[in-house]
Amino acid sequence: MSTAVVVLDAASTAYDFAPDHPMQPARLVLLEELSRRLGVLGRPGVEVLPARVADDQEILTVHDSDFVRVVRAASDPTTRPVLPKLLAYGIGGDDVPAFDGMHEAAARLAGGTLEAVEAVVAGRAPRAVHAAGGMHHARASQAAGFCVYNDAAIGIRRALDRGVRRVLYVDLDAHHGDGVERTFWDDPRVVTFSIHETGEVLFPGTGFVQDLGGAGALGTAVNLPLPPRTGGEGWLRALQAVLPVLARAMRPELIVSQHGADAHRDDPLADLALTLEAQREAALLVRDLADELCEGRWVAVGGGGYAITDVVPRAWTHLLAIVTGDPLPANGPLPQDWTQVATRIAREHGLPDPRHQTTLGDHHELAVRDWSRGYDPEDPLDRAVQACRRSVFPEWGLDPFYD
């Protein structure tokens, strides 16, 4: 039995919309380079696997057949439908432009997450991570938000089909995990928890506290929308005030978490203000919940993250380290030549040079005030947290005013 599985494949960089698109595959190149140099991928018992291409039957467990046919057709310039037809399926605009080989590239992301889920569900390893995954906006018949096939939803569906009775999905991306939520809206076996910048100001404009799930699954959609510019301490305060209480109430058999790095203060596509230390702490919280509640069974995927050279490689190297064993120090040293390495990779991919970096963190000391010490009704963050608790906790027989 492996201690952990890491799905990491150079072929995943084929998921590449355009040179000027925010989602740049260079982030995966940088992640692999940094993780290898810090010894994370070479730890004893860690199994590194390639990402296979998911077949149509696997994709169709979540997506409609018409949509898959359009994605296939859009992948070949000789069969690509006219723009109006593509746009009806969310393809062809600035967010999800069609590109050659799109179906295979997107199916590989789905296959990578399936590999991670299969490894954990089959008992080959207690934990697995697939950083190229996390395409949480894709819907049954529509691409959206840089996402073509929803690998997280496909992976959760596989776990359910393999006999897992309760799955907790934790979405830490700055944007609401709407595609996964929609997929399991009526399924009481899956709780989808998303902490994100409020949809009042940020794409996709969804994920409000009153969105609780379908009639037969009330309380299984959990949304914690936060005000813009929420910092790391406030974000962690909100996360700790809701997630552990709900997780302990539902008793999952598997946790699947999405670790979009775009909640970081330097990300250009959102307005939260997290530090790397806060993102690392959230991954540790998810790990601890998996250890406490489901014998360590945990699958982590990537997601958003558009500060390509300065944030994503460090954030996800922390994630890989936590999945594969001991966490790296929050501000542990980077390889001495890391800035030169990152600069070379950035220039090869037409990206701006990175800033000079020497550590894995932002040198930010976390001081999180525990929710049990009381909340301030004048604080917009605390009001958002209490609104979530009052909306969801009664569906689980929990008192929103006490843990």
Protein backbone atom coordinates (compact mmCIF):
# COMPACT_ATOMS: atom_id res chain seq x y z
CA MET A 1 0.00 0.00 0.00
CA SER A 2 1.30 3.45 -0.93
CA THR A 3 1.30 6.25 1.61
CA ALA A 4 -0.17 8.59 -1.01
CA VAL A 5 -0.80 8.86 -4.74
CA VAL A 6 0.15 11.93 -6.76
CA VAL A 7 -1.30 12.19 -10.26
CA LEU A 8 1.04 14.47 -12.18
CA ASP A 9 1.47 14.28 -15.93
CA ALA A 10 3.23 16.55 -18.41
CA ALA A 11 0.51 15.64 -20.92
CA SER A 12 -1.96 17.61 -18.77
CA THR A 13 -0.37 20.82 -20.06
CA ALA A 14 -2.25 20.18 -23.33
CA TYR A 15 -5.24 21.76 -21.57
CA ASP A 16 -4.19 25.10 -23.04
CA PHE A 17 -6.74 27.61 -24.30
CA ALA A 18 -4.44 30.33 -25.68
CA PRO A 19 -1.15 32.13 -24.92
CA ASP A 20 -3.02 35.07 -23.39
CA HIS A 21 -5.60 33.03 -21.47
CA PRO A 22 -5.52 33.35 -17.65
CA MET A 23 -5.32 29.58 -17.12
CA GLN A 24 -1.79 28.83 -18.16
CA PRO A 25 -0.46 25.25 -18.14
CA ALA A 26 2.95 26.56 -17.07
CA ARG A 27 1.64 26.48 -13.51
CA LEU A 28 1.80 22.67 -13.64
CA VAL A 29 5.35 22.76 -15.00
CA LEU A 30 6.38 25.08 -12.18
CA LEU A 31 4.61 22.91 -9.59
CA GLU A 32 6.38 19.74 -10.69
CA GLU A 33 9.76 21.47 -10.79
CA LEU A 34 9.37 22.94 -7.30
CA SER A 35 7.91 19.78 -5.75
CA ARG A 36 10.69 17.61 -7.12
CA ARG A 37 13.41 20.00 -6.01
CA LEU A 38 12.00 20.02 -2.47
CA GLY A 39 11.83 16.22 -2.39
CA VAL A 40 8.04 15.99 -2.07
CA LEU A 41 7.57 13.64 -5.02
CA GLY A 42 10.39 11.37 -3.92
CA ARG A 43 9.11 10.66 -0.42
CA PRO A 44 9.00 6.99 0.63
CA GLY A 45 5.74 5.31 -0.29
CA VAL A 46 4.58 8.07 -2.65
CA GLU A 47 3.31 6.72 -5.96
CA VAL A 48 3.39 9.18 -8.87
CA LEU A 49 0.92 8.24 -11.61
CA PRO A 50 0.19 9.60 -15.07
CA ALA A 51 -3.29 10.91 -15.89
CA ARG A 52 -5.20 8.65 -18.23
CA VAL A 53 -7.83 9.93 -20.65
CA ALA A 54 -11.34 9.27 -19.30
CA ASP A 55 -13.60 7.46 -21.74
CA ASP A 56 -16.99 8.72 -22.85
CA GLN A 57 -18.93 6.44 -20.52
CA GLU A 58 -17.09 7.89 -17.55
CA ILE A 59 -17.68 11.46 -18.70
CA LEU A 60 -21.35 10.70 -19.35
CA THR A 61 -21.91 9.90 -15.69
CA VAL A 62 -22.03 13.69 -15.24
CA HIS A 63 -22.28 15.28 -18.70
CA ASP A 64 -24.94 15.04 -21.41
CA SER A 65 -24.16 13.14 -24.61
CA ASP A 66 -24.96 16.14 -26.83
CA PHE A 67 -22.42 18.22 -24.93
CA VAL A 68 -19.70 15.60 -25.27
CA ARG A 69 -20.38 15.37 -29.01
CA VAL A 70 -20.03 19.15 -29.36
CA VAL A 71 -16.77 19.16 -27.39
CA ARG A 72 -15.42 16.42 -29.62
CA ALA A 73 -16.43 18.33 -32.73
CA ALA A 74 -14.97 21.57 -31.39
CA SER A 75 -11.64 19.82 -30.84
CA ASP A 76 -11.00 19.47 -34.57
CA PRO A 77 -10.89 22.58 -36.78
CA THR A 78 -12.29 20.54 -39.70
CA THR A 79 -15.46 19.63 -37.75
CA ARG A 80 -15.75 22.63 -35.42
CA PRO A 81 -19.36 23.91 -35.30
CA VAL A 82 -20.20 27.53 -36.05
CA LEU A 83 -19.79 29.95 -33.15
CA PRO A 84 -23.49 30.33 -32.23
CA LYS A 85 -23.83 26.58 -31.71
CA LEU A 86 -20.63 26.47 -29.66
CA LEU A 87 -21.74 29.37 -27.49
CA ALA A 88 -24.94 27.52 -26.63
CA TYR A 89 -22.69 24.97 -24.92
CA GLY A 90 -20.44 27.55 -23.25
CA ILE A 91 -17.63 27.13 -25.79
CA GLY A 92 -16.15 29.77 -28.07
CA GLY A 93 -16.10 32.85 -25.85
CA ASP A 94 -13.20 34.34 -23.95
CA ASP A 95 -13.58 31.98 -20.99
CA VAL A 96 -13.63 28.67 -22.87
CA PRO A 97 -12.32 29.19 -26.41
CA ALA A 98 -12.22 26.08 -28.56
CA PHE A 99 -8.77 24.62 -29.18
CA ASP A 100 -7.41 21.67 -31.10
CA GLY A 101 -7.51 18.51 -28.99
CA MET A 102 -9.80 20.06 -26.37
CA HIS A 103 -11.81 16.88 -25.74
CA GLU A 104 -8.78 14.70 -25.06
CA ALA A 105 -7.12 17.35 -22.94
CA ALA A 106 -10.24 17.85 -20.81
CA ALA A 107 -10.87 14.10 -20.61
CA ARG A 108 -7.32 13.65 -19.31
CA LEU A 109 -8.05 16.01 -16.44
CA ALA A 110 -11.13 13.92 -15.67
CA GLY A 111 -9.13 10.71 -15.96
CA GLY A 112 -6.48 12.03 -13.59
CA THR A 113 -9.06 12.69 -10.90
CA LEU A 114 -10.61 9.27 -11.52
CA GLU A 115 -7.17 7.71 -10.97
CA ALA A 116 -6.87 9.56 -7.66
CA VAL A 117 -10.35 8.55 -6.52
CA GLU A 118 -9.89 4.92 -7.56
CA ALA A 119 -6.61 4.69 -5.64
CA VAL A 120 -8.24 5.87 -2.41
CA VAL A 121 -11.55 4.00 -2.74
CA ALA A 122 -9.76 0.76 -3.63
CA GLY A 123 -7.50 1.11 -0.60
CA ARG A 124 -4.23 1.49 -2.54
CA ALA A 125 -3.50 4.69 -0.63
CA PRO A 126 -5.32 6.70 2.03
CA ARG A 127 -4.78 10.00 0.21
CA ALA A 128 -4.35 11.21 -3.35
CA VAL A 129 -3.88 14.53 -5.12
CA HIS A 130 -4.38 15.65 -8.72
CA ALA A 131 -3.42 19.31 -8.99
CA ALA A 132 -4.43 19.61 -12.66
CA GLY A 133 -8.03 18.80 -11.69
CA GLY A 134 -10.63 20.94 -9.99
CA MET A 135 -12.67 22.10 -13.01
CA HIS A 136 -15.62 22.85 -10.79
CA HIS A 137 -17.68 25.20 -13.00
CA ALA A 138 -18.49 22.75 -15.79
CA ARG A 139 -22.15 21.73 -15.91
CA ALA A 140 -23.96 18.80 -17.45
CA SER A 141 -24.38 20.46 -20.83
CA GLN A 142 -22.23 23.56 -20.66
CA ALA A 143 -18.61 24.56 -20.25
CA ALA A 144 -17.99 27.57 -18.04
CA GLY A 145 -15.28 29.43 -16.18
CA PHE A 146 -12.32 27.77 -17.97
CA CYS A 147 -13.84 24.34 -17.26
CA VAL A 148 -14.92 21.81 -19.89
CA TYR A 149 -15.49 18.51 -18.04
CA ASN A 150 -16.17 18.55 -14.31
CA ASP A 151 -13.54 16.12 -13.08
CA ALA A 152 -14.41 16.59 -9.41
CA ALA A 153 -18.06 15.65 -10.01
CA ILE A 154 -17.02 12.71 -12.21
CA GLY A 155 -14.68 11.51 -9.47
CA ILE A 156 -17.34 11.79 -6.78
CA ARG A 157 -19.78 9.89 -8.99
CA ARG A 158 -17.20 7.11 -9.34
CA ALA A 159 -16.81 6.94 -5.56
CA LEU A 160 -20.57 6.61 -5.12
CA ASP A 161 -20.70 3.91 -7.78
CA ARG A 162 -17.96 2.05 -5.90
CA GLY A 163 -20.07 1.95 -2.75
CA VAL A 164 -19.03 5.06 -0.83
CA ARG A 165 -22.16 6.13 1.02
CA ARG A 166 -21.35 9.71 2.04
CA VAL A 167 -18.97 12.16 0.35
CA LEU A 168 -18.02 15.60 1.61
CA TYR A 169 -16.88 17.96 -1.14
CA VAL A 170 -14.95 20.99 0.14
CA ASP A 171 -14.38 23.85 -2.32
CA LEU A 172 -11.75 26.41 -1.25
CA ASP A 173 -11.57 28.29 -4.55
CA ALA A 174 -12.31 32.02 -4.59
CA HIS A 175 -15.22 31.26 -6.95
CA HIS A 176 -18.32 29.30 -6.01
CA GLY A 177 -18.16 25.61 -6.90
CA ASP A 178 -21.41 25.81 -8.82
CA GLY A 179 -20.94 22.89 -11.22
CA VAL A 180 -20.32 20.33 -8.49
CA GLU A 181 -23.20 21.72 -6.44
CA ARG A 182 -25.59 21.46 -9.41
CA THR A 183 -24.55 17.90 -10.12
CA PHE A 184 -25.43 16.71 -6.62
CA TRP A 185 -28.20 19.20 -5.80
CA ASP A 186 -30.73 16.41 -5.24
CA ASP A 187 -28.38 13.75 -3.89
CA PRO A 188 -28.40 13.45 -0.09
CA ARG A 189 -25.25 11.31 -0.19
CA VAL A 190 -23.06 14.29 -1.15
CA VAL A 191 -22.55 17.47 0.84
CA THR A 192 -21.04 20.28 -1.22
CA PHE A 193 -19.40 22.97 0.90
CA SER A 194 -18.10 26.09 -0.83
CA ILE A 195 -16.39 29.08 0.79
CA HIS A 196 -15.98 31.86 -1.79
CA GLU A 197 -16.15 35.54 -2.53
CA THR A 198 -19.79 36.54 -2.67
CA GLY A 199 -21.58 35.99 -5.95
CA GLU A 200 -22.93 39.53 -5.66
CA VAL A 201 -19.63 40.74 -7.09
CA LEU A 202 -17.77 37.70 -8.50
CA PHE A 203 -18.33 35.03 -11.16
CA PRO A 204 -20.36 32.84 -11.35
CA GLY A 205 -22.86 34.95 -9.42
CA THR A 206 -24.18 32.03 -7.40
CA GLY A 207 -23.60 30.33 -4.05
CA PHE A 208 -25.78 32.16 -1.54
CA VAL A 209 -26.63 30.94 1.95
CA GLN A 210 -30.25 30.20 1.06
CA ASP A 211 -29.15 27.70 -1.61
CA LEU A 212 -29.50 24.53 0.44
CA GLY A 213 -30.02 21.69 -2.03
CA GLY A 214 -33.04 19.97 -3.51
CA ALA A 215 -36.22 19.04 -1.65
CA GLY A 216 -34.87 15.59 -0.79
CA ALA A 217 -31.44 16.86 0.12
CA LEU A 218 -31.94 20.07 2.08
CA GLY A 219 -28.82 21.10 3.92
CA THR A 220 -26.45 19.24 1.61
CA ALA A 221 -25.56 22.36 -0.38
CA VAL A 222 -23.61 24.60 1.99
CA ASN A 223 -22.51 28.03 0.84
CA LEU A 224 -20.36 30.49 2.75
CA PRO A 225 -20.07 33.67 0.62
CA LEU A 226 -17.65 36.23 2.03
CA PRO A 227 -17.14 39.96 1.47
CA PRO A 228 -14.46 41.14 -0.97
CA ARG A 229 -11.01 41.71 0.56
CA THR A 230 -11.55 39.16 3.30
CA GLY A 231 -8.09 38.35 4.62
CA GLY A 232 -6.55 35.07 5.68
CA GLU A 233 -7.50 35.27 9.35
CA GLY A 234 -11.11 36.13 8.58
CA TRP A 235 -11.35 33.45 5.91
CA LEU A 236 -9.98 30.81 8.28
CA ARG A 237 -12.28 32.04 11.06
CA ALA A 238 -15.25 31.54 8.72
CA LEU A 239 -14.03 28.14 7.53
CA GLN A 240 -13.44 26.87 11.06
CA ALA A 241 -16.83 28.15 12.23
CA VAL A 242 -18.78 26.05 9.73
CA LEU A 243 -16.88 23.19 8.09
CA PRO A 244 -15.75 21.05 11.07
CA VAL A 245 -19.15 21.20 12.76
CA LEU A 246 -20.95 20.08 9.61
CA ALA A 247 -18.36 17.45 8.77
CA ARG A 248 -18.74 15.86 12.18
CA ALA A 249 -22.51 15.88 11.81
CA MET A 250 -22.52 14.15 8.40
CA ARG A 251 -19.67 11.66 9.07
CA PRO A 252 -18.32 11.35 5.52
CA GLU A 253 -16.66 8.19 4.25
CA LEU A 254 -14.57 10.21 1.77
CA ILE A 255 -13.54 13.85 1.52
CA VAL A 256 -12.86 15.41 -1.88
CA SER A 257 -11.42 18.92 -1.70
CA GLN A 258 -10.75 21.57 -4.32
CA HIS A 259 -7.82 23.91 -3.60
CA GLY A 260 -8.09 26.75 -6.06
CA ALA A 261 -5.23 29.14 -5.29
CA ASP A 262 -7.09 32.18 -6.60
CA ALA A 263 -8.22 33.32 -3.15
CA HIS A 264 -4.66 34.57 -2.63
CA ARG A 265 -4.20 38.32 -2.27
CA ASP A 266 -2.06 38.50 -5.43
CA ASP A 267 -4.49 36.70 -7.73
CA PRO A 268 -5.74 38.94 -10.56
CA LEU A 269 -9.19 37.34 -10.96
CA ALA A 270 -10.68 37.63 -7.47
CA ASP A 271 -10.73 40.05 -4.56
CA LEU A 272 -10.01 37.95 -1.52
CA ALA A 273 -6.78 38.59 0.37
CA LEU A 274 -5.47 35.26 1.63
CA THR A 275 -1.83 34.48 2.20
CA LEU A 276 -0.07 31.21 1.46
CA GLU A 277 -0.06 30.52 5.18
CA ALA A 278 -3.88 30.61 5.26
CA GLN A 279 -4.17 28.30 2.26
CA ARG A 280 -1.73 25.87 3.85
CA GLU A 281 -3.69 25.94 7.12
CA ALA A 282 -6.91 25.11 5.26
CA ALA A 283 -5.30 22.06 3.66
CA LEU A 284 -4.16 20.93 7.11
CA LEU A 285 -7.72 21.32 8.41
CA VAL A 286 -9.12 19.15 5.61
CA ARG A 287 -6.43 16.53 6.25
CA ASP A 288 -7.24 16.48 9.96
CA LEU A 289 -10.96 16.09 9.28
CA ALA A 290 -10.26 13.18 6.94
CA ASP A 291 -8.07 11.53 9.59
CA GLU A 292 -10.71 12.07 12.27
CA LEU A 293 -13.84 11.13 10.33
CA CYS A 294 -13.06 8.79 7.44
CA GLU A 295 -9.86 6.92 8.23
CA GLY A 296 -7.83 9.43 6.27
CA ARG A 297 -9.61 8.91 2.93
CA TRP A 298 -9.00 12.16 1.10
CA VAL A 299 -8.71 13.20 -2.54
CA ALA A 300 -7.44 16.72 -3.27
CA VAL A 301 -7.60 18.52 -6.61
CA GLY A 302 -6.34 21.90 -7.81
CA GLY A 303 -8.64 24.43 -9.46
CA GLY A 304 -8.22 28.14 -10.09
CA GLY A 305 -5.05 30.10 -9.61
CA TYR A 306 -3.84 32.82 -11.96
CA ALA A 307 -0.80 34.29 -10.24
CA ILE A 308 1.01 31.67 -12.27
CA THR A 309 4.63 32.01 -11.22
CA ASP A 310 4.40 33.76 -7.86
CA VAL A 311 1.62 31.91 -6.03
CA VAL A 312 0.33 28.69 -7.57
CA PRO A 313 3.54 26.60 -7.46
CA ARG A 314 4.14 27.42 -3.81
CA ALA A 315 0.49 26.96 -2.77
CA TRP A 316 0.19 23.57 -4.44
CA THR A 317 3.62 22.37 -3.32
CA HIS A 318 2.36 22.89 0.23
CA LEU A 319 -0.75 20.89 -0.73
CA LEU A 320 1.28 18.03 -2.22
CA ALA A 321 3.46 17.93 0.88
CA ILE A 322 0.44 17.72 3.19
CA VAL A 323 -1.13 14.95 1.11
CA THR A 324 2.08 12.93 0.91
CA GLY A 325 3.24 13.23 4.52
CA ASP A 326 4.70 15.89 6.74
CA PRO A 327 3.87 19.48 5.78
CA LEU A 328 6.68 21.73 4.68
CA PRO A 329 7.40 24.67 7.00
CA ALA A 330 5.06 27.55 6.23
CA ASN A 331 8.01 29.75 5.33
CA GLY A 332 10.54 27.07 4.56
CA PRO A 333 13.31 27.99 2.14
CA LEU A 334 12.91 27.69 -1.59
CA PRO A 335 15.74 26.16 -3.63
CA GLN A 336 18.49 28.76 -3.94
CA ASP A 337 18.14 28.96 -7.69
CA TRP A 338 14.32 28.93 -7.71
CA THR A 339 13.91 32.46 -9.08
CA GLN A 340 16.20 31.60 -12.00
CA VAL A 341 14.35 28.34 -12.64
CA ALA A 342 10.94 30.02 -12.47
CA THR A 343 12.14 32.82 -14.72
CA ARG A 344 13.33 30.35 -17.34
CA ILE A 345 10.02 28.47 -17.32
CA ALA A 346 8.02 31.70 -17.38
CA ARG A 347 9.93 33.00 -20.39
CA GLU A 348 9.54 29.69 -22.22
CA HIS A 349 5.76 30.09 -21.83
CA GLY A 350 5.61 33.80 -22.59
CA LEU A 351 4.81 34.84 -19.01
CA PRO A 352 6.16 37.79 -17.03
CA ASP A 353 9.22 37.17 -14.91
CA PRO A 354 8.42 36.13 -11.34
CA ARG A 355 9.30 38.24 -8.36
CA HIS A 356 12.36 37.26 -6.40
CA GLN A 357 11.25 34.67 -3.86
CA THR A 358 13.18 32.96 -1.09
CA THR A 359 10.53 31.12 0.96
CA LEU A 360 7.38 29.03 0.56
CA GLY A 361 5.23 31.57 2.36
CA ASP A 362 4.29 35.22 2.60
CA HIS A 363 5.87 35.80 6.04
CA HIS A 364 2.42 36.33 7.51
CA GLU A 365 1.85 35.22 11.09
CA LEU A 366 -1.71 33.91 11.41
CA ALA A 367 -3.79 35.05 14.39
CA VAL A 368 -7.23 33.51 13.97
CA ARG A 369 -9.94 34.34 16.50
CA ASP A 370 -11.97 31.24 17.28
CA TRP A 371 -15.71 31.47 16.65
CA SER A 372 -16.47 30.11 20.11
CA ARG A 373 -15.23 33.39 21.57
CA GLY A 374 -18.28 35.13 20.13
CA TYR A 375 -19.13 37.07 17.01
CA ASP A 376 -19.58 40.72 16.18
CA PRO A 377 -22.92 41.52 14.47
CA GLU A 378 -21.40 44.76 13.18
CA ASP A 379 -18.72 42.87 11.26
CA PRO A 380 -19.76 41.97 7.67
CA LEU A 381 -17.66 38.81 7.81
CA ASP A 382 -19.24 37.61 11.04
CA ARG A 383 -22.70 38.39 9.70
CA ALA A 384 -21.95 36.25 6.64
CA VAL A 385 -20.79 33.35 8.80
CA GLN A 386 -23.77 33.52 11.11
CA ALA A 387 -26.15 33.73 8.14
CA CYS A 388 -24.65 30.50 6.80
CA ARG A 389 -24.91 28.76 10.17
CA ARG A 390 -28.52 29.88 10.67
CA SER A 391 -29.44 28.71 7.20
CA VAL A 392 -27.78 25.28 7.23
CA PHE A 393 -27.25 24.09 10.80
CA PRO A 394 -30.95 23.47 11.64
CA GLU A 395 -31.16 21.04 8.69
CA TRP A 396 -28.57 18.94 10.56
CA GLY A 397 -30.13 19.34 13.99
CA LEU A 398 -27.40 21.77 15.02
CA ASP A 399 -27.76 24.96 17.00
CA PRO A 400 -26.41 27.86 14.92
CA PHE A 401 -25.46 29.76 18.06
CA TYR A 402 -23.39 27.00 19.65
CA ASP A 403 -20.98 24.29 18.51
